Protein backbone atom coordinates (compact mmCIF):
# COMPACT_ATOMS: atom_id res chain seq x y z
CA MET A 1 -11.57 -53.08 -35.76
CA ARG A 2 -12.72 -51.58 -32.57
CA ALA A 3 -10.56 -52.93 -29.52
CA LEU A 4 -13.42 -54.27 -27.51
CA ASP A 5 -14.51 -55.90 -30.38
CA LEU A 6 -12.09 -58.72 -29.14
CA MET A 7 -14.64 -59.55 -26.60
CA ARG A 8 -16.82 -60.83 -29.12
CA GLN A 9 -14.11 -63.74 -29.74
CA TRP A 10 -13.89 -64.61 -26.32
CA PRO A 11 -15.37 -68.55 -25.45
CA VAL A 12 -17.77 -67.62 -23.13
CA PRO A 13 -21.42 -67.41 -22.73
CA HIS A 14 -21.81 -63.55 -22.03
CA ALA A 15 -18.94 -61.08 -21.79
CA ALA A 16 -19.05 -57.37 -21.15
CA GLY A 17 -16.68 -54.68 -20.88
CA GLY A 18 -15.47 -50.82 -21.06
CA VAL A 19 -12.91 -48.47 -21.13
CA VAL A 20 -12.77 -45.03 -19.29
CA LEU A 21 -10.19 -42.26 -19.64
CA ALA A 22 -9.42 -39.82 -16.98
CA GLY A 23 -11.52 -36.61 -17.62
CA LYS A 24 -13.31 -37.75 -20.29
CA GLY A 25 -15.59 -40.44 -18.89
CA THR A 26 -16.32 -43.53 -20.32
CA VAL A 27 -15.39 -43.57 -24.10
CA ASP A 28 -16.39 -47.28 -25.00
CA THR A 29 -18.59 -50.41 -23.74
CA GLU A 30 -19.19 -53.61 -25.52
CA GLY A 31 -22.00 -56.26 -24.39
CA GLU A 32 -24.76 -55.86 -22.08
CA VAL A 33 -23.40 -53.43 -19.58
CA ASP A 34 -26.40 -53.56 -17.20
CA ARG A 35 -25.83 -57.49 -16.66
CA VAL A 36 -24.77 -58.21 -13.32
CA PHE A 37 -21.93 -60.91 -13.12
CA ARG A 38 -20.05 -62.38 -10.29
CA LEU A 39 -16.94 -60.56 -9.48
CA ALA A 40 -15.02 -63.13 -7.31
CA SER A 41 -11.73 -61.51 -6.32
CA VAL A 42 -12.50 -58.22 -8.02
CA THR A 43 -14.45 -57.97 -4.90
CA LYS A 44 -11.18 -57.17 -3.03
CA PRO A 45 -10.74 -53.64 -4.49
CA LEU A 46 -13.98 -52.68 -3.67
CA VAL A 47 -13.73 -53.93 -0.03
CA ALA A 48 -10.18 -52.27 0.11
CA TYR A 49 -11.33 -48.96 -1.00
CA ALA A 50 -14.14 -48.91 1.75
CA VAL A 51 -11.43 -49.76 4.08
CA LEU A 52 -9.54 -46.82 2.99
CA VAL A 53 -12.80 -44.53 3.50
CA ALA A 54 -12.82 -45.75 7.03
CA VAL A 55 -9.35 -44.72 7.48
CA GLU A 56 -10.22 -41.43 6.08
CA GLU A 57 -12.84 -41.01 8.47
CA GLY A 58 -10.71 -41.97 11.36
CA ALA A 59 -12.57 -45.11 12.29
CA VAL A 60 -9.66 -47.21 11.77
CA GLU A 61 -6.02 -46.57 10.73
CA LEU A 62 -3.59 -48.28 8.70
CA ASP A 63 -1.13 -49.20 11.10
CA GLN A 64 -3.46 -50.46 13.78
CA PRO A 65 -3.05 -53.76 14.98
CA ALA A 66 -5.68 -55.96 13.21
CA GLY A 67 -5.46 -59.84 12.36
CA PRO A 68 -2.40 -62.24 13.68
CA PRO A 69 -0.13 -60.96 16.30
CA GLY A 70 2.06 -58.00 14.92
CA SER A 71 -0.21 -57.67 11.78
CA THR A 72 -1.87 -54.44 11.09
CA VAL A 73 -4.72 -53.21 8.82
CA ARG A 74 -1.73 -52.28 6.30
CA HIS A 75 -0.46 -55.75 6.43
CA LEU A 76 -4.11 -57.36 5.66
CA LEU A 77 -4.65 -55.00 2.81
CA ALA A 78 -1.26 -55.59 1.29
CA HIS A 79 -1.36 -59.28 1.53
CA THR A 80 1.58 -59.48 4.05
CA SER A 81 -0.50 -60.43 7.38
CA GLY A 82 0.81 -63.94 7.38
CA LEU A 83 -2.43 -65.42 7.07
CA ALA A 84 -3.46 -68.37 4.39
CA PHE A 85 -5.43 -68.06 1.72
CA ASP A 86 -8.62 -69.66 2.99
CA SER A 87 -8.29 -69.86 6.82
CA HIS A 88 -7.10 -67.88 9.81
CA GLU A 89 -3.94 -70.24 9.67
CA VAL A 90 -0.63 -68.25 10.14
CA LEU A 91 1.81 -69.30 7.63
CA ALA A 92 4.34 -66.41 8.19
CA LYS A 93 5.39 -63.55 10.63
CA PRO A 94 3.50 -60.28 9.53
CA GLY A 95 5.47 -58.58 6.54
CA GLU A 96 7.70 -61.43 5.98
CA LYS A 97 5.97 -62.75 2.67
CA ARG A 98 3.31 -62.19 0.38
CA ILE A 99 0.54 -64.59 0.70
CA TYR A 100 -2.59 -64.03 -1.29
CA SER A 101 -5.40 -64.14 1.51
CA SER A 102 -8.78 -64.04 1.07
CA ALA A 103 -9.08 -64.87 4.80
CA GLY A 104 -7.17 -61.77 5.35
CA PHE A 105 -10.01 -59.57 3.74
CA GLU A 106 -12.74 -61.42 5.75
CA VAL A 107 -10.70 -60.19 8.80
CA LEU A 108 -10.88 -57.14 7.68
CA ALA A 109 -14.49 -56.62 6.79
CA ASP A 110 -14.88 -57.86 10.75
CA PHE A 111 -12.38 -55.13 12.01
CA VAL A 112 -14.08 -52.37 10.15
CA ALA A 113 -17.65 -53.68 11.07
CA GLU A 114 -16.44 -53.62 14.90
CA HIS A 115 -14.89 -50.26 14.66
CA THR A 116 -17.65 -48.53 12.66
CA GLU A 117 -20.39 -50.47 14.58
CA ILE A 118 -21.96 -51.06 10.99
CA ALA A 119 -22.33 -54.36 9.24
CA PHE A 120 -19.82 -54.42 6.57
CA ASP A 121 -21.83 -55.22 3.36
CA ARG A 122 -23.97 -52.21 4.63
CA TYR A 123 -20.78 -49.94 5.27
CA LEU A 124 -19.41 -50.91 1.59
CA HIS A 125 -22.91 -49.77 0.39
CA GLU A 126 -22.93 -46.64 2.37
CA ALA A 127 -19.10 -45.62 1.97
CA VAL A 128 -18.46 -46.63 -1.97
CA PHE A 129 -21.61 -48.06 -3.94
CA GLU A 130 -24.06 -45.42 -2.95
CA PRO A 131 -21.98 -42.19 -3.68
CA LEU A 132 -20.68 -43.83 -6.76
CA GLY A 133 -24.02 -44.62 -7.98
CA MET A 134 -23.21 -48.21 -8.30
CA GLY A 135 -26.70 -49.17 -8.35
CA THR A 136 -26.44 -53.03 -8.93
CA ALA A 137 -23.33 -53.69 -6.75
CA VAL A 138 -24.01 -55.80 -3.45
CA LEU A 139 -21.71 -57.75 -1.37
CA SER A 140 -23.65 -60.86 -0.19
CA GLY A 141 -21.09 -63.17 1.68
CA SER A 142 -17.26 -63.40 1.88
CA ALA A 143 -15.32 -59.93 1.84
CA GLY A 144 -12.80 -61.93 -0.34
CA HIS A 145 -14.90 -62.92 -3.43
CA ALA A 146 -18.69 -62.53 -2.86
CA ALA A 147 -19.83 -59.10 -4.66
CA ARG A 148 -21.71 -58.67 -8.17
CA ALA A 149 -21.95 -55.77 -10.22
CA SER A 150 -22.11 -54.61 -13.40
CA VAL A 151 -19.88 -53.24 -15.92
CA ALA A 152 -21.96 -49.82 -15.69
CA ASP A 153 -21.04 -49.86 -12.31
CA LEU A 154 -17.69 -50.99 -12.03
CA LEU A 155 -16.82 -48.11 -14.91
CA ARG A 156 -18.20 -45.66 -11.92
CA PHE A 157 -15.72 -47.41 -9.67
CA ALA A 158 -12.77 -47.12 -12.39
CA GLU A 159 -13.79 -43.32 -12.79
CA GLU A 160 -13.27 -42.74 -9.15
CA LEU A 161 -9.86 -44.49 -9.46
CA LEU A 162 -8.63 -42.41 -11.98
CA ASN A 163 -10.08 -39.08 -10.42
CA PRO A 164 -10.57 -40.15 -6.45
CA THR A 165 -13.45 -38.25 -4.47
CA LEU A 166 -13.64 -40.63 -1.70
CA VAL A 167 -10.03 -40.76 -0.41
CA SER A 168 -7.45 -38.18 -0.44
CA ALA A 169 -4.59 -37.76 -2.84
CA GLU A 170 -2.11 -39.08 -0.34
CA LEU A 171 -4.06 -42.23 0.62
CA TYR A 172 -4.67 -43.23 -3.02
CA ALA A 173 -1.05 -42.82 -3.20
CA LYS A 174 -0.21 -45.62 -0.90
CA ALA A 175 -3.05 -47.88 -2.21
CA SER A 176 -1.64 -47.49 -5.94
CA THR A 177 1.93 -48.16 -4.95
CA VAL A 178 4.13 -50.68 -3.63
CA GLN A 179 3.58 -51.53 0.13
CA PHE A 180 6.22 -53.87 1.58
CA PRO A 181 8.38 -53.71 -1.37
CA ASP A 182 10.70 -56.94 -2.33
CA ARG A 183 8.38 -59.37 -0.77
CA ASN A 184 8.14 -62.31 -3.05
CA GLY A 185 5.07 -64.57 -3.25
CA VAL A 186 2.42 -66.46 -5.73
CA LEU A 187 0.15 -64.66 -7.59
CA PRO A 188 -2.73 -67.00 -8.03
CA GLY A 189 -2.99 -68.30 -11.79
CA TYR A 190 0.53 -66.89 -12.90
CA GLY A 191 2.93 -68.71 -10.36
CA SER A 192 5.79 -67.46 -8.18
CA GLN A 193 6.66 -63.64 -8.66
CA ARG A 194 10.07 -62.12 -7.26
CA PRO A 195 8.71 -59.70 -6.29
CA ASN A 196 5.10 -59.89 -5.84
CA ASP A 197 4.30 -56.47 -5.51
CA TRP A 198 0.68 -55.30 -4.02
CA GLY A 199 -0.40 -51.74 -2.75
CA LEU A 200 -3.67 -51.48 -0.62
CA GLY A 201 -6.09 -53.96 -2.21
CA PHE A 202 -4.67 -53.60 -5.61
CA GLU A 203 -2.14 -55.50 -7.22
CA ILE A 204 0.76 -53.59 -8.97
CA ARG A 205 2.13 -54.89 -12.34
CA ASP A 206 5.66 -53.51 -12.06
CA HIS A 207 7.59 -55.82 -14.14
CA LYS A 208 5.94 -59.06 -13.58
CA LEU A 209 6.07 -61.94 -16.18
CA PRO A 210 3.61 -63.70 -17.05
CA HIS A 211 0.56 -61.39 -16.22
CA TRP A 212 -3.03 -60.88 -17.01
CA THR A 213 -2.52 -57.27 -17.98
CA GLY A 214 -0.85 -56.41 -21.87
CA GLY A 215 2.93 -55.94 -22.92
CA ALA A 216 1.94 -52.29 -23.31
CA ASN A 217 0.85 -51.31 -19.74
CA SER A 218 3.20 -49.36 -17.63
CA PRO A 219 4.87 -50.93 -14.49
CA ARG A 220 2.41 -48.70 -12.60
CA THR A 221 -0.52 -50.57 -13.61
CA TYR A 222 -2.60 -51.67 -10.89
CA GLY A 223 -5.79 -53.68 -10.50
CA HIS A 224 -7.22 -57.17 -10.01
CA PHE A 225 -8.72 -60.08 -11.96
CA GLY A 226 -11.08 -62.83 -10.41
CA GLN A 227 -11.44 -66.70 -10.77
CA SER A 228 -14.98 -65.94 -11.99
CA GLY A 229 -13.60 -64.43 -15.23
CA THR A 230 -13.30 -60.72 -14.41
CA PHE A 231 -10.33 -57.93 -14.44
CA LEU A 232 -9.87 -54.27 -13.66
CA TRP A 233 -7.05 -52.49 -14.59
CA VAL A 234 -5.97 -48.96 -14.07
CA ASP A 235 -2.90 -47.53 -15.73
CA PRO A 236 -2.14 -44.13 -14.38
CA GLU A 237 0.88 -43.51 -17.02
CA VAL A 238 -1.95 -43.61 -19.69
CA GLY A 239 -4.81 -42.24 -17.78
CA MET A 240 -6.96 -45.18 -18.84
CA ALA A 241 -8.79 -47.83 -17.02
CA CYS A 242 -10.23 -51.27 -18.66
CA LEU A 243 -12.37 -53.99 -17.46
CA GLY A 244 -14.04 -56.99 -18.69
CA LEU A 245 -16.74 -59.44 -17.19
CA ALA A 246 -17.71 -62.95 -18.26
CA ASP A 247 -19.47 -65.65 -16.77
CA GLU A 248 -16.79 -68.38 -17.53
CA ASN A 249 -14.25 -69.14 -15.22
CA PHE A 250 -10.66 -67.92 -15.55
CA GLY A 251 -8.35 -70.42 -17.71
CA ASP A 252 -5.98 -70.50 -20.53
CA TRP A 253 -8.65 -68.49 -22.45
CA ALA A 254 -8.23 -65.62 -19.97
CA ARG A 255 -4.54 -65.88 -20.05
CA ALA A 256 -4.47 -65.35 -24.13
CA ALA A 257 -7.44 -63.10 -24.47
CA TRP A 258 -6.96 -60.48 -21.39
CA PRO A 259 -3.65 -59.48 -22.41
CA THR A 260 -4.38 -59.13 -26.08
CA LEU A 261 -7.50 -57.13 -25.32
CA SER A 262 -5.17 -54.61 -22.91
CA ASP A 263 -2.69 -54.14 -25.59
CA ALA A 264 -5.45 -53.24 -28.14
CA VAL A 265 -7.19 -50.97 -26.11
CA ILE A 266 -4.05 -49.01 -25.18
CA ALA A 267 -3.32 -49.00 -28.83
CA GLU A 268 -6.61 -47.23 -29.68
CA PHE A 269 -7.07 -45.15 -26.86
CA ALA A 270 -3.73 -43.83 -25.43
């Protein structure tokens, strides 16, 4: 049985997914790959990538002050600005804790819009969606959770992550490795993690347990999942990316199904 056949067993109305290998393009897909799904927090890696493009262009800098006093663009991307999850309330000093914050990404979007003089949804389209040919992808609302896209489009984004063309190798390395190490925090849906490692807009698997990726995924795996039933991970150790989109909110079904699928994908293609 194909690994992606497991998606047909998910207790969801609709699901689609795909696998891409570095240097080989898409190797397998399942479901309606052109169907547009709500991405929820899988929005954040897309937004983060646009911020990285803005860094490459010199419009903003990683260590430029942004957000609460003492916070920078880097802090906001790495969820260490101290901002609360869904408000501008400051809960900690910048760099002190890993506090997962959708509000922080809204602050980032406003910051980039101010410094580029381009509305952020348009900047995201021109910086990421358009050059990668992501024709269905759109941000219509919060930069923390309001993007929509198809599997076909996210596979193009995954290909970019495996072989970056829009950002430099140096900036990619920073984004996909731990920033502000040894910071503890809560991983939504999985509880307290010590440490709770993140890069720049990407969660780093490291040795977290439990986790939404598989036991076969390397500690260097990075990505994101969303409460709408979506996930995207990239494992640079095996040169592979996998994603799944569904129209059923994250819950126990996903906690059981996603790691199983991830392990099966790595067993089939690695």
